[in-house]
């Protein structure tokens, strides 16, 4: 997968996101519309905190629907690569500034219920690691302009 084609997802993550999208775009929209209507019936909209809270919730829900739609439309679904090179879907153990870290290069959507830290393939650290293998040393420039050394200690496919 090229890193510009979209988000890499496992089939499980794709199915989970699709179910969330279906719920929010269907039952979720209907429920929030009903809530707004009920709050509107309470009277003066200027001083109706429940109405404004429901409208705010609706805006958050619509933003999540749009985010999910984009992820699902641009996703590449498959198993994590078992090649020796780090790609999206690789769990990396690396020494970063002298400190050992274990994290997933990929998407928070894939990491789901795990406790792994996640760095996207487009992040400075992710970009520095894509294509590298165990034993490789590289670096990336942090947002503060400091160059951060990284040594790859281990890499394995994400298994959920």
C-alpha atoms as a PDB file:
ATOM      1  CA  UNK A   1       0.000   0.000   0.000  1.00  0.00           C
ATOM      2  CA  UNK A   2       1.278   3.460  -0.735  1.00  0.00           C
ATOM      3  CA  UNK A   3       0.889   5.789   2.174  1.00  0.00           C
ATOM      4  CA  UNK A   4      -1.082   8.339   0.135  1.00  0.00           C
ATOM      5  CA  UNK A   5      -3.937   6.023  -0.817  1.00  0.00           C
ATOM      6  CA  UNK A   6      -5.743   6.366   2.511  1.00  0.00           C
ATOM      7  CA  UNK A   7      -5.969   4.799   5.896  1.00  0.00           C
ATOM      8  CA  UNK A   8      -4.895   1.188   6.294  1.00  0.00           C
ATOM      9  CA  UNK A   9      -7.505  -0.785   8.267  1.00  0.00           C
ATOM     10  CA  UNK A  10      -7.917  -4.364   9.337  1.00  0.00           C
ATOM     11  CA  UNK A  11     -11.191  -5.975   8.281  1.00  0.00           C
ATOM     12  CA  UNK A  12     -12.316  -5.897  11.926  1.00  0.00           C
ATOM     13  CA  UNK A  13     -11.629  -2.161  12.207  1.00  0.00           C
ATOM     14  CA  UNK A  14     -13.390  -1.483   8.891  1.00  0.00           C
ATOM     15  CA  UNK A  15     -16.458  -3.458  10.010  1.00  0.00           C
ATOM     16  CA  UNK A  16     -16.495  -1.657  13.380  1.00  0.00           C
ATOM     17  CA  UNK A  17     -16.307   1.768  11.706  1.00  0.00           C
ATOM     18  CA  UNK A  18     -18.968   0.802   9.150  1.00  0.00           C
ATOM     19  CA  UNK A  19     -21.306  -0.247  11.978  1.00  0.00           C
ATOM     20  CA  UNK A  20     -20.686   3.050  13.787  1.00  0.00           C
ATOM     21  CA  UNK A  21     -21.335   4.980  10.565  1.00  0.00           C
ATOM     22  CA  UNK A  22     -24.552   3.055   9.855  1.00  0.00           C
ATOM     23  CA  UNK A  23     -25.813   3.703  13.396  1.00  0.00           C
ATOM     24  CA  UNK A  24     -24.965   7.411  13.437  1.00  0.00           C
ATOM     25  CA  UNK A  25     -26.282   8.065   9.922  1.00  0.00           C
ATOM     26  CA  UNK A  26     -29.515   6.163  10.632  1.00  0.00           C
ATOM     27  CA  UNK A  27     -30.779   5.745  14.193  1.00  0.00           C
ATOM     28  CA  UNK A  28     -28.414   8.397  15.570  1.00  0.00           C
ATOM     29  CA  UNK A  29     -29.663  11.124  13.237  1.00  0.00           C
ATOM     30  CA  UNK A  30     -33.278  10.227  13.968  1.00  0.00           C
ATOM     31  CA  UNK A  31     -32.694  10.289  17.730  1.00  0.00           C
ATOM     32  CA  UNK A  32     -30.964  13.668  17.713  1.00  0.00           C
ATOM     33  CA  UNK A  33     -33.648  15.156  15.424  1.00  0.00           C
ATOM     34  CA  UNK A  34     -36.316  13.945  17.873  1.00  0.00           C
ATOM     35  CA  UNK A  35     -34.367  15.419  20.801  1.00  0.00           C
ATOM     36  CA  UNK A  36     -34.066  18.794  19.033  1.00  0.00           C
ATOM     37  CA  UNK A  37     -37.777  18.777  18.227  1.00  0.00           C
ATOM     38  CA  UNK A  38     -38.692  17.988  21.846  1.00  0.00           C
ATOM     39  CA  UNK A  39     -36.451  20.785  23.119  1.00  0.00           C
ATOM     40  CA  UNK A  40     -37.899  23.200  20.553  1.00  0.00           C
ATOM     41  CA  UNK A  41     -41.370  22.483  21.970  1.00  0.00           C
ATOM     42  CA  UNK A  42     -40.227  23.779  25.363  1.00  0.00           C
ATOM     43  CA  UNK A  43     -40.474  27.384  24.233  1.00  0.00           C
ATOM     44  CA  UNK A  44     -38.098  30.324  23.862  1.00  0.00           C
ATOM     45  CA  UNK A  45     -35.050  29.059  21.969  1.00  0.00           C
ATOM     46  CA  UNK A  46     -32.815  31.914  23.151  1.00  0.00           C
ATOM     47  CA  UNK A  47     -32.835  30.670  26.731  1.00  0.00           C
ATOM     48  CA  UNK A  48     -33.313  26.981  26.081  1.00  0.00           C
ATOM     49  CA  UNK A  49     -30.106  25.246  27.200  1.00  0.00           C
ATOM     50  CA  UNK A  50     -31.413  21.779  26.310  1.00  0.00           C
ATOM     51  CA  UNK A  51     -32.106  22.867  22.740  1.00  0.00           C
ATOM     52  CA  UNK A  52     -28.645  24.386  22.315  1.00  0.00           C
ATOM     53  CA  UNK A  53     -26.997  21.301  23.840  1.00  0.00           C
ATOM     54  CA  UNK A  54     -28.914  19.043  21.441  1.00  0.00           C
ATOM     55  CA  UNK A  55     -27.884  21.199  18.454  1.00  0.00           C
ATOM     56  CA  UNK A  56     -24.257  21.048  19.598  1.00  0.00           C
ATOM     57  CA  UNK A  57     -24.497  17.269  19.900  1.00  0.00           C
ATOM     58  CA  UNK A  58     -25.973  17.141  16.403  1.00  0.00           C
ATOM     59  CA  UNK A  59     -23.005  19.114  15.033  1.00  0.00           C
ATOM     60  CA  UNK A  60     -20.526  16.744  16.712  1.00  0.00           C
ATOM     61  CA  UNK A  61     -22.404  13.733  15.355  1.00  0.00           C
ATOM     62  CA  UNK A  62     -22.472  15.136  11.815  1.00  0.00           C
ATOM     63  CA  UNK A  63     -18.719  15.812  11.996  1.00  0.00           C
ATOM     64  CA  UNK A  64     -18.099  12.204  13.066  1.00  0.00           C
ATOM     65  CA  UNK A  65     -20.329  10.935  10.238  1.00  0.00           C
ATOM     66  CA  UNK A  66     -18.287  12.925   7.716  1.00  0.00           C
ATOM     67  CA  UNK A  67     -15.016  11.698   9.241  1.00  0.00           C
ATOM     68  CA  UNK A  68     -16.188   8.074   9.109  1.00  0.00           C
ATOM     69  CA  UNK A  69     -17.428   8.466   5.532  1.00  0.00           C
ATOM     70  CA  UNK A  70     -14.014   9.761   4.449  1.00  0.00           C
ATOM     71  CA  UNK A  71     -12.115   7.016   6.282  1.00  0.00           C
ATOM     72  CA  UNK A  72     -14.321   4.270   4.863  1.00  0.00           C
ATOM     73  CA  UNK A  73     -14.191   5.629   1.300  1.00  0.00           C
ATOM     74  CA  UNK A  74     -10.398   5.975   1.266  1.00  0.00           C
ATOM     75  CA  UNK A  75      -9.465   2.951   3.380  1.00  0.00           C
ATOM     76  CA  UNK A  76      -7.259   0.135   2.245  1.00  0.00           C
ATOM     77  CA  UNK A  77      -8.442  -3.023   4.003  1.00  0.00           C
ATOM     78  CA  UNK A  78      -6.178  -5.980   4.573  1.00  0.00           C
ATOM     79  CA  UNK A  79      -3.800  -7.786   6.810  1.00  0.00           C
ATOM     80  CA  UNK A  80      -0.673  -6.158   8.152  1.00  0.00           C
ATOM     81  CA  UNK A  81       2.330  -6.819   5.960  1.00  0.00           C
ATOM     82  CA  UNK A  82       4.739  -9.480   7.123  1.00  0.00           C
ATOM     83  CA  UNK A  83       7.626  -8.007   5.154  1.00  0.00           C
ATOM     84  CA  UNK A  84      10.747  -6.873   6.958  1.00  0.00           C
ATOM     85  CA  UNK A  85       9.999  -3.241   6.139  1.00  0.00           C
ATOM     86  CA  UNK A  86       7.937  -1.017   8.415  1.00  0.00           C
ATOM     87  CA  UNK A  87       4.599  -0.040   6.863  1.00  0.00           C
ATOM     88  CA  UNK A  88       1.182   1.021   8.117  1.00  0.00           C
ATOM     89  CA  UNK A  89       0.039  -1.797  10.350  1.00  0.00           C
ATOM     90  CA  UNK A  90       3.460  -2.488  11.866  1.00  0.00           C
ATOM     91  CA  UNK A  91       4.004  -2.537  15.616  1.00  0.00           C
ATOM     92  CA  UNK A  92       7.423  -1.030  16.186  1.00  0.00           C
ATOM     93  CA  UNK A  93       9.705  -1.155  19.181  1.00  0.00           C
ATOM     94  CA  UNK A  94      12.231   1.629  18.835  1.00  0.00           C
ATOM     95  CA  UNK A  95      14.705   3.604  20.851  1.00  0.00           C
ATOM     96  CA  UNK A  96      13.634   7.225  20.541  1.00  0.00           C
ATOM     97  CA  UNK A  97      15.982   9.745  22.160  1.00  0.00           C
ATOM     98  CA  UNK A  98      17.453   6.953  24.281  1.00  0.00           C
ATOM     99  CA  UNK A  99      14.037   5.758  25.517  1.00  0.00           C
ATOM    100  CA  UNK A 100      12.454   2.482  24.368  1.00  0.00           C
ATOM    101  CA  UNK A 101       8.936   2.854  22.984  1.00  0.00           C
ATOM    102  CA  UNK A 102       6.451   0.403  21.486  1.00  0.00           C
ATOM    103  CA  UNK A 103       3.787   1.786  19.155  1.00  0.00           C
ATOM    104  CA  UNK A 104       1.715   1.160  16.057  1.00  0.00           C
ATOM    105  CA  UNK A 105       2.468   2.923  12.805  1.00  0.00           C
ATOM    106  CA  UNK A 106      -1.007   3.337  11.393  1.00  0.00           C
ATOM    107  CA  UNK A 107      -4.376   4.608  12.500  1.00  0.00           C
ATOM    108  CA  UNK A 108      -6.039   5.108  15.869  1.00  0.00           C
ATOM    109  CA  UNK A 109      -9.075   3.516  14.267  1.00  0.00           C
ATOM    110  CA  UNK A 110      -7.140   0.249  13.893  1.00  0.00           C
ATOM    111  CA  UNK A 111      -5.623   0.301  17.384  1.00  0.00           C
ATOM    112  CA  UNK A 112      -9.172   0.392  18.782  1.00  0.00           C
ATOM    113  CA  UNK A 113      -9.140  -1.225  22.197  1.00  0.00           C
ATOM    114  CA  UNK A 114      -5.398  -1.728  22.494  1.00  0.00           C
ATOM    115  CA  UNK A 115      -3.189   0.351  24.738  1.00  0.00           C
ATOM    116  CA  UNK A 116      -0.645   0.969  21.993  1.00  0.00           C
ATOM    117  CA  UNK A 117       0.389   4.500  21.205  1.00  0.00           C
ATOM    118  CA  UNK A 118      -0.293   5.276  17.545  1.00  0.00           C
ATOM    119  CA  UNK A 119       1.698   7.365  15.089  1.00  0.00           C
ATOM    120  CA  UNK A 120       0.235   7.839  11.632  1.00  0.00           C
ATOM    121  CA  UNK A 121       2.396   7.043   8.632  1.00  0.00           C
ATOM    122  CA  UNK A 122       2.155  10.757   7.781  1.00  0.00           C
ATOM    123  CA  UNK A 123       3.489  11.929  11.168  1.00  0.00           C
ATOM    124  CA  UNK A 124       7.158  12.961  11.347  1.00  0.00           C
ATOM    125  CA  UNK A 125       8.047   9.758  13.240  1.00  0.00           C
ATOM    126  CA  UNK A 126       5.908   7.574  10.959  1.00  0.00           C
ATOM    127  CA  UNK A 127       7.420   9.066   7.802  1.00  0.00           C
ATOM    128  CA  UNK A 128      10.924   8.509   9.179  1.00  0.00           C
ATOM    129  CA  UNK A 129      10.182   4.835   9.866  1.00  0.00           C
ATOM    130  CA  UNK A 130       8.269   3.801   6.720  1.00  0.00           C
ATOM    131  CA  UNK A 131      10.509   1.482   4.700  1.00  0.00           C
ATOM    132  CA  UNK A 132      13.008   0.962   7.530  1.00  0.00           C
ATOM    133  CA  UNK A 133      13.863  -2.450   9.027  1.00  0.00           C
ATOM    134  CA  UNK A 134      15.050  -3.832  12.359  1.00  0.00           C
ATOM    135  CA  UNK A 135      18.486  -2.425  13.170  1.00  0.00           C
ATOM    136  CA  UNK A 136      18.087   0.681  11.006  1.00  0.00           C
ATOM    137  CA  UNK A 137      18.779   4.082  12.472  1.00  0.00           C
ATOM    138  CA  UNK A 138      17.052   7.250  11.312  1.00  0.00           C
ATOM    139  CA  UNK A 139      15.867  10.554  12.679  1.00  0.00           C
ATOM    140  CA  UNK A 140      13.036  13.004  12.304  1.00  0.00           C
ATOM    141  CA  UNK A 141      12.531  16.662  13.017  1.00  0.00           C
ATOM    142  CA  UNK A 142      10.147  17.361  15.896  1.00  0.00           C
ATOM    143  CA  UNK A 143       7.680  20.265  15.726  1.00  0.00           C
ATOM    144  CA  UNK A 144      10.077  22.319  17.884  1.00  0.00           C
ATOM    145  CA  UNK A 145      12.777  21.920  15.196  1.00  0.00           C
ATOM    146  CA  UNK A 146      14.912  19.478  17.178  1.00  0.00           C
ATOM    147  CA  UNK A 147      16.265  16.422  15.348  1.00  0.00           C
ATOM    148  CA  UNK A 148      15.253  13.218  17.168  1.00  0.00           C
ATOM    149  CA  UNK A 149      17.332  10.050  16.682  1.00  0.00           C
ATOM    150  CA  UNK A 150      15.468   6.730  16.283  1.00  0.00           C
ATOM    151  CA  UNK A 151      16.782   3.150  16.221  1.00  0.00           C
ATOM    152  CA  UNK A 152      14.450   0.299  15.224  1.00  0.00           C
ATOM    153  CA  UNK A 153      14.714  -2.551  17.733  1.00  0.00           C
ATOM    154  CA  UNK A 154      11.825  -4.777  16.620  1.00  0.00           C
ATOM    155  CA  UNK A 155       8.958  -4.751  14.146  1.00  0.00           C
ATOM    156  CA  UNK A 156       5.980  -7.086  13.828  1.00  0.00           C
ATOM    157  CA  UNK A 157       2.626  -7.032  12.027  1.00  0.00           C
ATOM    158  CA  UNK A 158      -0.291  -5.674  14.050  1.00  0.00           C
ATOM    159  CA  UNK A 159      -2.543  -8.510  15.105  1.00  0.00           C
ATOM    160  CA  UNK A 160      -5.229  -6.651  17.038  1.00  0.00           C
END
